[in-house]
């Protein structure tokens, strides 16, 4: 079905561990508007899209969101992998650490685990595409807020890439919405 290249869609090479940054980036891993929810949402909605083109688009973007999940996971891992217990305590990462260590686990920055309640799939392609456009805008906004809070150039480089992909996805969903609306008029 897919060819998997054993490399990230965008390289992640973070040189300086930073638990505070890892914690806030977790919003894009397991938060309500993160990459896991986006991928599951689009891969679920594709089945009820009315055209092959829109089904293909949701498949393409859904699998790209899985690639973004890999990127975010790599970032969190690189930001936490060499943390000492003293650093973990000092940065407020202790409650996460007690349960998960430095493993990558889909939760938001407050430790709330990812849930399927974050996604929507209605079988109404127009409603679903509006949902998808809103999801992309919320993810873009989250990336912009992360960019405002982070100084590490290695982290920022990746966040800028991910933010731009959200913009492209929003545009593609807008094009799909027009196509679906035209299809439904026929």
N, C-alpha and C. Protein backbone atom coordinates (compact mmCIF):
# COMPACT_ATOMS: atom_id res chain seq x y z
N UNK A 1 0.81 -1.19 0.00
CA UNK A 1 0.00 0.00 0.00
C UNK A 1 0.87 1.26 0.00
N UNK A 2 1.92 1.28 0.83
CA UNK A 2 2.83 2.41 0.86
C UNK A 2 4.25 1.89 0.83
N UNK A 3 5.13 2.75 0.40
CA UNK A 3 6.56 2.47 0.54
C UNK A 3 7.06 3.34 1.67
N UNK A 4 7.60 2.72 2.66
CA UNK A 4 8.08 3.44 3.83
C UNK A 4 9.58 3.63 3.71
N UNK A 5 10.00 4.88 3.67
CA UNK A 5 11.42 5.19 3.68
C UNK A 5 11.82 5.40 5.14
N UNK A 6 12.87 4.75 5.54
CA UNK A 6 13.27 4.81 6.95
C UNK A 6 14.06 6.08 7.24
N UNK A 7 13.39 7.19 6.96
CA UNK A 7 13.93 8.50 7.29
C UNK A 7 12.75 9.42 7.54
N UNK A 8 12.95 10.45 8.31
CA UNK A 8 11.88 11.39 8.59
C UNK A 8 11.58 12.24 7.36
N UNK A 9 10.35 12.70 7.27
CA UNK A 9 9.97 13.61 6.18
C UNK A 9 10.80 14.88 6.23
N UNK A 10 11.15 15.31 7.43
CA UNK A 10 12.00 16.48 7.65
C UNK A 10 12.97 16.12 8.76
N UNK A 11 14.25 16.40 8.57
CA UNK A 11 15.23 15.95 9.58
C UNK A 11 15.09 16.66 10.92
N UNK A 12 15.33 15.90 11.97
CA UNK A 12 15.32 16.43 13.33
C UNK A 12 16.69 16.14 13.93
N UNK A 13 17.40 17.19 14.28
CA UNK A 13 18.73 17.06 14.89
C UNK A 13 18.87 18.10 15.99
N UNK A 14 18.29 17.79 17.12
CA UNK A 14 18.30 18.71 18.26
C UNK A 14 19.51 18.38 19.13
N UNK A 15 20.36 19.37 19.31
CA UNK A 15 21.63 19.15 20.00
C UNK A 15 21.53 19.38 21.51
N UNK A 16 20.58 20.23 21.94
CA UNK A 16 20.50 20.60 23.34
C UNK A 16 19.21 20.06 23.96
N UNK A 17 19.32 19.13 24.91
CA UNK A 17 18.11 18.64 25.59
C UNK A 17 17.41 19.78 26.32
N UNK A 18 16.09 19.74 26.36
CA UNK A 18 15.31 20.79 27.00
C UNK A 18 13.94 20.23 27.37
N UNK A 19 13.77 19.87 28.63
CA UNK A 19 12.53 19.25 29.09
C UNK A 19 11.34 20.19 29.01
N UNK A 20 11.56 21.46 29.27
CA UNK A 20 10.47 22.43 29.20
C UNK A 20 9.92 22.50 27.79
N UNK A 21 10.81 22.54 26.81
CA UNK A 21 10.39 22.57 25.41
C UNK A 21 9.71 21.26 25.03
N UNK A 22 10.25 20.14 25.47
CA UNK A 22 9.63 18.84 25.18
C UNK A 22 8.20 18.81 25.69
N UNK A 23 8.01 19.32 26.90
CA UNK A 23 6.68 19.28 27.51
C UNK A 23 5.67 20.08 26.70
N UNK A 24 6.02 21.26 26.24
CA UNK A 24 5.04 22.05 25.50
C UNK A 24 4.83 21.52 24.08
N UNK A 25 5.85 20.91 23.50
CA UNK A 25 5.70 20.34 22.15
C UNK A 25 4.76 19.13 22.19
N UNK A 26 4.59 18.54 23.35
CA UNK A 26 3.70 17.38 23.46
C UNK A 26 2.28 17.69 23.02
N UNK A 27 1.89 18.96 23.02
CA UNK A 27 0.55 19.31 22.54
C UNK A 27 0.34 18.84 21.10
N UNK A 28 1.42 18.82 20.30
CA UNK A 28 1.29 18.40 18.91
C UNK A 28 1.43 16.89 18.75
N UNK A 29 1.71 16.19 19.82
CA UNK A 29 1.75 14.74 19.80
C UNK A 29 0.38 14.19 20.21
N UNK A 30 -0.05 14.49 21.42
CA UNK A 30 -1.26 13.89 21.93
C UNK A 30 -2.33 14.86 22.36
N UNK A 31 -2.17 16.12 22.02
CA UNK A 31 -3.18 17.10 22.37
C UNK A 31 -4.38 17.04 21.43
N UNK A 32 -5.42 17.80 21.73
CA UNK A 32 -6.65 17.73 20.95
C UNK A 32 -6.51 18.15 19.50
N UNK A 33 -5.51 18.95 19.19
CA UNK A 33 -5.31 19.41 17.82
C UNK A 33 -3.97 18.94 17.26
N UNK A 34 -3.45 17.86 17.82
CA UNK A 34 -2.14 17.37 17.43
C UNK A 34 -2.16 16.45 16.22
N UNK A 35 -0.99 15.95 15.91
CA UNK A 35 -0.78 15.15 14.71
C UNK A 35 -1.45 13.77 14.77
N UNK A 36 -1.50 13.15 15.94
CA UNK A 36 -2.16 11.85 16.05
C UNK A 36 -3.64 11.97 15.72
N UNK A 37 -4.31 12.95 16.31
CA UNK A 37 -5.72 13.16 16.03
C UNK A 37 -5.97 13.47 14.56
N UNK A 38 -5.10 14.29 13.97
CA UNK A 38 -5.28 14.64 12.56
C UNK A 38 -5.17 13.41 11.68
N UNK A 39 -4.17 12.58 11.92
CA UNK A 39 -4.00 11.41 11.06
C UNK A 39 -5.19 10.45 11.18
N UNK A 40 -5.63 10.19 12.38
CA UNK A 40 -6.77 9.28 12.57
C UNK A 40 -8.04 9.88 11.96
N UNK A 41 -8.25 11.18 12.15
CA UNK A 41 -9.42 11.86 11.60
C UNK A 41 -9.48 11.68 10.08
N UNK A 42 -8.40 12.00 9.40
CA UNK A 42 -8.42 11.98 7.94
C UNK A 42 -8.49 10.56 7.39
N UNK A 43 -7.79 9.64 8.04
CA UNK A 43 -7.81 8.26 7.57
C UNK A 43 -9.17 7.60 7.84
N UNK A 44 -9.92 8.10 8.81
CA UNK A 44 -11.28 7.61 9.05
C UNK A 44 -12.27 8.22 8.08
N UNK A 45 -12.13 9.49 7.81
CA UNK A 45 -13.08 10.20 6.96
C UNK A 45 -12.98 9.82 5.48
N UNK A 46 -11.85 9.33 5.06
CA UNK A 46 -11.64 9.05 3.64
C UNK A 46 -12.66 8.07 3.07
N UNK A 47 -13.16 7.18 3.89
CA UNK A 47 -14.05 6.14 3.38
C UNK A 47 -15.38 6.69 2.88
N UNK A 48 -15.86 7.79 3.42
CA UNK A 48 -17.15 8.32 3.01
C UNK A 48 -17.04 9.52 2.09
N UNK A 49 -15.85 9.79 1.58
CA UNK A 49 -15.71 10.86 0.60
C UNK A 49 -16.32 10.39 -0.73
N UNK A 50 -16.99 11.29 -1.45
CA UNK A 50 -17.75 10.89 -2.63
C UNK A 50 -16.94 10.67 -3.91
N UNK A 51 -15.68 11.09 -3.93
CA UNK A 51 -14.90 10.92 -5.16
C UNK A 51 -13.55 10.27 -4.84
N UNK A 52 -13.00 9.62 -5.83
CA UNK A 52 -11.68 9.03 -5.67
C UNK A 52 -10.62 10.07 -5.35
N UNK A 53 -10.78 11.24 -5.94
CA UNK A 53 -9.80 12.31 -5.71
C UNK A 53 -9.80 12.77 -4.25
N UNK A 54 -10.99 12.94 -3.66
CA UNK A 54 -11.04 13.37 -2.26
C UNK A 54 -10.64 12.24 -1.32
N UNK A 55 -10.97 10.99 -1.67
CA UNK A 55 -10.50 9.87 -0.86
C UNK A 55 -8.97 9.82 -0.87
N UNK A 56 -8.40 10.02 -2.05
CA UNK A 56 -6.95 10.01 -2.18
C UNK A 56 -6.31 11.14 -1.39
N UNK A 57 -6.93 12.32 -1.42
CA UNK A 57 -6.39 13.46 -0.68
C UNK A 57 -6.37 13.18 0.82
N UNK A 58 -7.46 12.66 1.36
CA UNK A 58 -7.48 12.36 2.78
C UNK A 58 -6.49 11.27 3.14
N UNK A 59 -6.30 10.30 2.25
CA UNK A 59 -5.28 9.27 2.48
C UNK A 59 -3.89 9.89 2.49
N UNK A 60 -3.62 10.73 1.50
CA UNK A 60 -2.30 11.37 1.41
C UNK A 60 -2.00 12.23 2.64
N UNK A 61 -2.95 13.09 2.99
CA UNK A 61 -2.71 13.99 4.12
C UNK A 61 -2.71 13.19 5.44
N UNK A 62 -3.58 12.20 5.56
CA UNK A 62 -3.60 11.37 6.77
C UNK A 62 -2.27 10.67 7.00
N UNK A 63 -1.68 10.14 5.93
CA UNK A 63 -0.39 9.46 6.10
C UNK A 63 0.73 10.47 6.32
N UNK A 64 0.61 11.66 5.72
CA UNK A 64 1.63 12.68 6.01
C UNK A 64 1.56 13.10 7.47
N UNK A 65 0.36 13.16 8.02
CA UNK A 65 0.23 13.49 9.44
C UNK A 65 0.90 12.42 10.31
N UNK A 66 0.86 11.16 9.88
CA UNK A 66 1.60 10.12 10.60
C UNK A 66 3.11 10.41 10.55
N UNK A 67 3.57 10.92 9.41
CA UNK A 67 4.99 11.31 9.30
C UNK A 67 5.29 12.46 10.26
N UNK A 68 4.33 13.37 10.41
CA UNK A 68 4.52 14.48 11.35
C UNK A 68 4.53 13.97 12.78
N UNK A 69 3.74 12.94 13.06
CA UNK A 69 3.77 12.31 14.37
C UNK A 69 5.16 11.75 14.67
N UNK A 70 5.79 11.16 13.66
CA UNK A 70 7.17 10.67 13.82
C UNK A 70 8.13 11.83 14.12
N UNK A 71 7.94 12.93 13.42
CA UNK A 71 8.81 14.09 13.62
C UNK A 71 8.66 14.63 15.05
N UNK A 72 7.43 14.82 15.49
CA UNK A 72 7.19 15.33 16.85
C UNK A 72 7.75 14.35 17.87
N UNK A 73 7.53 13.07 17.66
CA UNK A 73 8.07 12.05 18.58
C UNK A 73 9.59 12.11 18.64
N UNK A 74 10.23 12.28 17.49
CA UNK A 74 11.70 12.40 17.45
C UNK A 74 12.16 13.63 18.21
N UNK A 75 11.42 14.72 18.06
CA UNK A 75 11.78 15.95 18.77
C UNK A 75 11.70 15.73 20.28
N UNK A 76 10.60 15.16 20.74
CA UNK A 76 10.42 14.93 22.17
C UNK A 76 11.51 14.00 22.70
N UNK A 77 11.79 12.94 21.96
CA UNK A 77 12.84 12.01 22.38
C UNK A 77 14.19 12.72 22.48
N UNK A 78 14.54 13.49 21.46
CA UNK A 78 15.84 14.17 21.48
C UNK A 78 15.92 15.23 22.57
N UNK A 79 14.81 15.84 22.89
CA UNK A 79 14.80 16.86 23.94
C UNK A 79 14.85 16.27 25.35
N UNK A 80 14.52 14.98 25.51
CA UNK A 80 14.45 14.38 26.84
C UNK A 80 15.47 13.28 27.10
N UNK A 81 16.08 12.74 26.07
CA UNK A 81 16.83 11.49 26.21
C UNK A 81 17.99 11.51 27.20
N UNK A 82 18.61 12.64 27.43
CA UNK A 82 19.76 12.68 28.34
C UNK A 82 19.44 13.38 29.66
N UNK A 83 18.17 13.51 29.96
CA UNK A 83 17.77 14.25 31.16
C UNK A 83 18.13 13.48 32.43
N UNK A 84 18.59 14.21 33.40
CA UNK A 84 18.90 13.62 34.72
C UNK A 84 17.66 13.75 35.61
N UNK A 85 17.60 12.97 36.67
CA UNK A 85 16.46 13.12 37.61
C UNK A 85 16.35 14.55 38.16
N UNK A 86 17.47 15.21 38.42
CA UNK A 86 17.42 16.59 38.92
C UNK A 86 16.79 17.52 37.88
N UNK A 87 17.16 17.35 36.62
CA UNK A 87 16.58 18.18 35.56
C UNK A 87 15.08 17.88 35.41
N UNK A 88 14.72 16.63 35.49
CA UNK A 88 13.32 16.22 35.37
C UNK A 88 12.48 16.89 36.45
N UNK A 89 12.98 16.89 37.68
CA UNK A 89 12.28 17.56 38.79
C UNK A 89 12.22 19.07 38.57
N UNK A 90 13.34 19.66 38.21
CA UNK A 90 13.41 21.11 38.07
C UNK A 90 12.48 21.65 36.99
N UNK A 91 12.27 20.89 35.94
CA UNK A 91 11.46 21.36 34.81
C UNK A 91 10.00 20.90 34.87
N UNK A 92 9.59 20.28 35.96
CA UNK A 92 8.20 19.88 36.10
C UNK A 92 7.81 18.71 35.21
N UNK A 93 8.78 17.91 34.85
CA UNK A 93 8.54 16.74 33.98
C UNK A 93 8.40 15.47 34.83
N UNK A 94 8.42 15.66 36.14
CA UNK A 94 8.45 14.51 37.06
C UNK A 94 7.20 13.64 37.02
N UNK A 95 6.01 14.23 36.95
CA UNK A 95 4.79 13.41 36.95
C UNK A 95 4.70 12.57 35.67
N UNK A 96 5.13 13.13 34.56
CA UNK A 96 5.18 12.36 33.31
C UNK A 96 6.22 11.24 33.43
N UNK A 97 7.39 11.60 33.94
CA UNK A 97 8.51 10.67 34.05
C UNK A 97 8.17 9.46 34.92
N UNK A 98 7.45 9.68 36.01
CA UNK A 98 7.11 8.60 36.92
C UNK A 98 6.32 7.51 36.19
N UNK A 99 5.45 7.91 35.30
CA UNK A 99 4.60 6.95 34.58
C UNK A 99 5.27 6.42 33.31
N UNK A 100 5.93 7.31 32.55
CA UNK A 100 6.42 6.94 31.21
C UNK A 100 7.93 6.99 31.04
N UNK A 101 8.65 7.41 32.07
CA UNK A 101 10.08 7.59 31.88
C UNK A 101 10.30 8.65 30.82
N UNK A 102 11.25 8.41 29.92
CA UNK A 102 11.44 9.35 28.80
C UNK A 102 10.88 8.76 27.51
N UNK A 103 9.98 7.78 27.66
CA UNK A 103 9.31 7.23 26.47
C UNK A 103 8.40 8.30 25.86
N UNK A 104 8.14 8.16 24.59
CA UNK A 104 7.23 9.07 23.91
C UNK A 104 5.82 8.48 24.03
N UNK A 105 4.95 9.22 24.68
CA UNK A 105 3.58 8.76 24.94
C UNK A 105 2.60 9.85 24.51
N UNK A 106 1.54 9.48 23.77
CA UNK A 106 0.62 10.51 23.27
C UNK A 106 -0.26 11.13 24.36
N UNK A 107 0.22 12.23 24.88
CA UNK A 107 -0.50 12.99 25.89
C UNK A 107 -0.29 14.47 25.59
N UNK A 108 -1.10 15.31 26.20
CA UNK A 108 -0.90 16.75 26.04
C UNK A 108 0.11 17.24 27.08
N UNK A 109 0.48 18.51 27.08
CA UNK A 109 1.48 19.00 28.04
C UNK A 109 1.09 18.85 29.50
N UNK A 110 -0.21 18.68 29.77
CA UNK A 110 -0.67 18.50 31.14
C UNK A 110 -0.75 17.04 31.55
N UNK A 111 -0.34 16.14 30.66
CA UNK A 111 -0.35 14.72 30.96
C UNK A 111 -1.66 14.01 30.62
N UNK A 112 -2.61 14.73 30.02
CA UNK A 112 -3.88 14.12 29.64
C UNK A 112 -3.65 13.26 28.39
N UNK A 113 -3.94 11.96 28.47
CA UNK A 113 -3.69 11.08 27.34
C UNK A 113 -4.58 11.41 26.13
N UNK A 114 -4.05 11.12 24.97
CA UNK A 114 -4.82 11.28 23.73
C UNK A 114 -6.07 10.41 23.81
N UNK A 115 -7.15 10.89 23.20
CA UNK A 115 -8.40 10.15 23.18
C UNK A 115 -9.06 10.27 21.82
N UNK A 116 -9.78 9.26 21.45
CA UNK A 116 -10.53 9.29 20.20
C UNK A 116 -11.61 10.36 20.19
N UNK A 117 -11.96 10.89 21.35
CA UNK A 117 -12.94 11.97 21.41
C UNK A 117 -12.44 13.24 20.72
N UNK A 118 -11.14 13.31 20.44
CA UNK A 118 -10.58 14.49 19.77
C UNK A 118 -10.91 14.52 18.28
N UNK A 119 -11.37 13.42 17.73
CA UNK A 119 -11.59 13.39 16.28
C UNK A 119 -13.08 13.36 15.96
N UNK A 120 -13.40 13.70 14.73
CA UNK A 120 -14.78 13.68 14.27
C UNK A 120 -14.84 13.08 12.88
N UNK A 121 -15.84 12.28 12.66
CA UNK A 121 -16.09 11.69 11.36
C UNK A 121 -17.60 11.53 11.26
N UNK A 122 -18.25 12.26 10.34
CA UNK A 122 -19.71 12.34 10.33
C UNK A 122 -20.37 11.62 9.17
N UNK A 123 -19.63 11.24 8.16
CA UNK A 123 -20.10 10.70 6.88
C UNK A 123 -20.71 11.77 5.99
N UNK A 124 -20.70 13.01 6.43
CA UNK A 124 -21.11 14.14 5.61
C UNK A 124 -19.82 14.79 5.10
N UNK A 125 -19.48 14.60 3.82
CA UNK A 125 -18.18 15.08 3.35
C UNK A 125 -17.99 16.59 3.49
N UNK A 126 -19.04 17.36 3.35
CA UNK A 126 -18.90 18.81 3.49
C UNK A 126 -18.61 19.16 4.95
N UNK A 127 -19.34 18.57 5.88
CA UNK A 127 -19.08 18.81 7.30
C UNK A 127 -17.67 18.35 7.68
N UNK A 128 -17.28 17.16 7.18
CA UNK A 128 -15.96 16.64 7.52
C UNK A 128 -14.85 17.52 6.98
N UNK A 129 -14.99 18.02 5.76
CA UNK A 129 -13.94 18.88 5.20
C UNK A 129 -13.87 20.22 5.93
N UNK A 130 -14.99 20.74 6.38
CA UNK A 130 -14.94 21.95 7.23
C UNK A 130 -14.22 21.64 8.54
N UNK A 131 -14.50 20.48 9.13
CA UNK A 131 -13.81 20.04 10.34
C UNK A 131 -12.30 19.97 10.09
N UNK A 132 -11.93 19.43 8.93
CA UNK A 132 -10.52 19.26 8.60
C UNK A 132 -9.82 20.61 8.42
N UNK A 133 -10.51 21.53 7.77
CA UNK A 133 -9.93 22.87 7.59
C UNK A 133 -9.73 23.54 8.95
N UNK A 134 -10.72 23.41 9.83
CA UNK A 134 -10.59 23.99 11.17
C UNK A 134 -9.45 23.33 11.94
N UNK A 135 -9.32 22.01 11.81
CA UNK A 135 -8.23 21.30 12.50
C UNK A 135 -6.87 21.80 12.04
N UNK A 136 -6.73 22.02 10.75
CA UNK A 136 -5.45 22.51 10.23
C UNK A 136 -5.14 23.92 10.74
N UNK A 137 -6.17 24.74 10.85
CA UNK A 137 -5.95 26.10 11.37
C UNK A 137 -5.58 26.07 12.85
N UNK A 138 -6.21 25.17 13.61
CA UNK A 138 -5.87 25.06 15.04
C UNK A 138 -4.43 24.55 15.20
N UNK A 139 -4.04 23.61 14.37
CA UNK A 139 -2.66 23.11 14.43
C UNK A 139 -1.67 24.21 14.04
N UNK A 140 -2.00 24.96 12.99
CA UNK A 140 -1.13 26.08 12.59
C UNK A 140 -0.98 27.06 13.75
N UNK A 141 -2.09 27.41 14.39
CA UNK A 141 -2.04 28.36 15.50
C UNK A 141 -1.18 27.81 16.64
N UNK A 142 -1.30 26.51 16.92
CA UNK A 142 -0.48 25.91 17.98
C UNK A 142 1.00 25.99 17.62
N UNK A 143 1.35 25.69 16.36
CA UNK A 143 2.75 25.79 15.95
C UNK A 143 3.25 27.23 16.08
N UNK A 144 2.41 28.20 15.72
CA UNK A 144 2.84 29.60 15.85
C UNK A 144 3.06 29.98 17.30
N UNK A 145 2.24 29.47 18.20
CA UNK A 145 2.44 29.75 19.62
C UNK A 145 3.71 29.08 20.14
N UNK A 146 3.96 27.86 19.70
CA UNK A 146 5.20 27.19 20.08
C UNK A 146 6.41 27.99 19.59
N UNK A 147 6.35 28.47 18.37
CA UNK A 147 7.45 29.25 17.79
C UNK A 147 7.71 30.50 18.63
N UNK A 148 6.66 31.11 19.15
CA UNK A 148 6.82 32.30 20.00
C UNK A 148 7.53 31.99 21.32
N UNK A 149 7.39 30.76 21.80
CA UNK A 149 7.92 30.39 23.12
C UNK A 149 9.30 29.76 23.09
N UNK A 150 9.77 29.35 21.93
CA UNK A 150 11.00 28.55 21.84
C UNK A 150 12.11 29.35 21.18
N UNK A 151 13.34 29.20 21.71
CA UNK A 151 14.50 29.90 21.17
C UNK A 151 15.47 29.00 20.41
N UNK A 152 15.41 27.70 20.65
CA UNK A 152 16.36 26.76 20.06
C UNK A 152 16.17 26.70 18.54
N UNK A 153 17.22 27.08 17.81
CA UNK A 153 17.13 27.11 16.34
C UNK A 153 16.88 25.74 15.73
N UNK A 154 17.41 24.69 16.35
CA UNK A 154 17.19 23.33 15.84
C UNK A 154 15.71 22.95 15.94
N UNK A 155 15.08 23.36 17.02
CA UNK A 155 13.66 23.08 17.23
C UNK A 155 12.81 23.97 16.33
N UNK A 156 13.15 25.24 16.27
CA UNK A 156 12.38 26.18 15.46
C UNK A 156 12.36 25.80 13.99
N UNK A 157 13.47 25.34 13.48
CA UNK A 157 13.55 24.94 12.08
C UNK A 157 12.48 23.90 11.75
N UNK A 158 12.33 22.93 12.61
CA UNK A 158 11.34 21.86 12.40
C UNK A 158 9.93 22.41 12.57
N UNK A 159 9.72 23.25 13.57
CA UNK A 159 8.39 23.82 13.80
C UNK A 159 7.93 24.68 12.63
N UNK A 160 8.83 25.44 12.03
CA UNK A 160 8.48 26.23 10.85
C UNK A 160 8.03 25.32 9.70
N UNK A 161 8.74 24.23 9.50
CA UNK A 161 8.36 23.27 8.46
C UNK A 161 6.95 22.72 8.72
N UNK A 162 6.71 22.28 9.94
CA UNK A 162 5.41 21.69 10.27
C UNK A 162 4.28 22.72 10.15
N UNK A 163 4.54 23.94 10.56
CA UNK A 163 3.52 25.00 10.42
C UNK A 163 3.16 25.19 8.95
N UNK A 164 4.15 25.23 8.09
CA UNK A 164 3.88 25.44 6.66
C UNK A 164 3.09 24.28 6.06
N UNK A 165 3.31 23.08 6.54
CA UNK A 165 2.54 21.93 6.04
C UNK A 165 1.07 22.06 6.44
N UNK A 166 0.80 22.63 7.62
CA UNK A 166 -0.58 22.85 8.04
C UNK A 166 -1.27 23.83 7.09
N UNK A 167 -0.55 24.85 6.67
CA UNK A 167 -1.10 25.83 5.72
C UNK A 167 -1.43 25.15 4.40
N UNK A 168 -0.53 24.32 3.91
CA UNK A 168 -0.76 23.60 2.65
C UNK A 168 -1.95 22.66 2.78
N UNK A 169 -2.05 21.95 3.88
CA UNK A 169 -3.18 21.04 4.08
C UNK A 169 -4.50 21.81 4.11
N UNK A 170 -4.53 22.94 4.77
CA UNK A 170 -5.73 23.78 4.80
C UNK A 170 -6.14 24.15 3.37
N UNK A 171 -5.17 24.56 2.58
CA UNK A 171 -5.47 24.94 1.20
C UNK A 171 -6.00 23.75 0.39
N UNK A 172 -5.39 22.61 0.56
CA UNK A 172 -5.83 21.41 -0.17
C UNK A 172 -7.24 20.99 0.25
N UNK A 173 -7.55 21.09 1.54
CA UNK A 173 -8.90 20.76 2.00
C UNK A 173 -9.91 21.77 1.44
N UNK A 174 -9.51 23.03 1.33
CA UNK A 174 -10.39 24.03 0.73
C UNK A 174 -10.70 23.70 -0.72
N UNK A 175 -9.69 23.28 -1.47
CA UNK A 175 -9.90 22.85 -2.86
C UNK A 175 -10.82 21.63 -2.91
N UNK A 176 -10.62 20.70 -2.00
CA UNK A 176 -11.46 19.49 -1.95
C UNK A 176 -12.90 19.85 -1.62
N UNK A 177 -13.10 20.81 -0.75
CA UNK A 177 -14.44 21.23 -0.39
C UNK A 177 -15.19 21.73 -1.62
N UNK A 178 -14.54 22.54 -2.43
CA UNK A 178 -15.16 23.04 -3.67
C UNK A 178 -15.51 21.87 -4.58
N UNK A 179 -14.59 20.93 -4.72
CA UNK A 179 -14.85 19.76 -5.58
C UNK A 179 -16.03 18.94 -5.06
N UNK A 180 -16.11 18.73 -3.78
CA UNK A 180 -17.19 17.94 -3.20
C UNK A 180 -18.52 18.67 -3.36
N UNK A 181 -18.51 19.97 -3.12
CA UNK A 181 -19.75 20.74 -3.29
C UNK A 181 -20.23 20.68 -4.74
N UNK A 182 -19.31 20.79 -5.69
CA UNK A 182 -19.67 20.66 -7.10
C UNK A 182 -20.20 19.27 -7.40
N UNK A 183 -19.57 18.25 -6.84
CA UNK A 183 -20.00 16.87 -7.06
C UNK A 183 -21.41 16.65 -6.50
N UNK A 184 -21.69 17.23 -5.34
CA UNK A 184 -22.99 17.03 -4.69
C UNK A 184 -24.11 17.76 -5.44
N UNK A 185 -23.80 18.78 -6.23
CA UNK A 185 -24.80 19.50 -7.02
C UNK A 185 -25.29 18.68 -8.20
N UNK A 186 -24.46 17.74 -8.64
CA UNK A 186 -24.81 16.96 -9.83
C UNK A 186 -25.88 15.95 -9.57
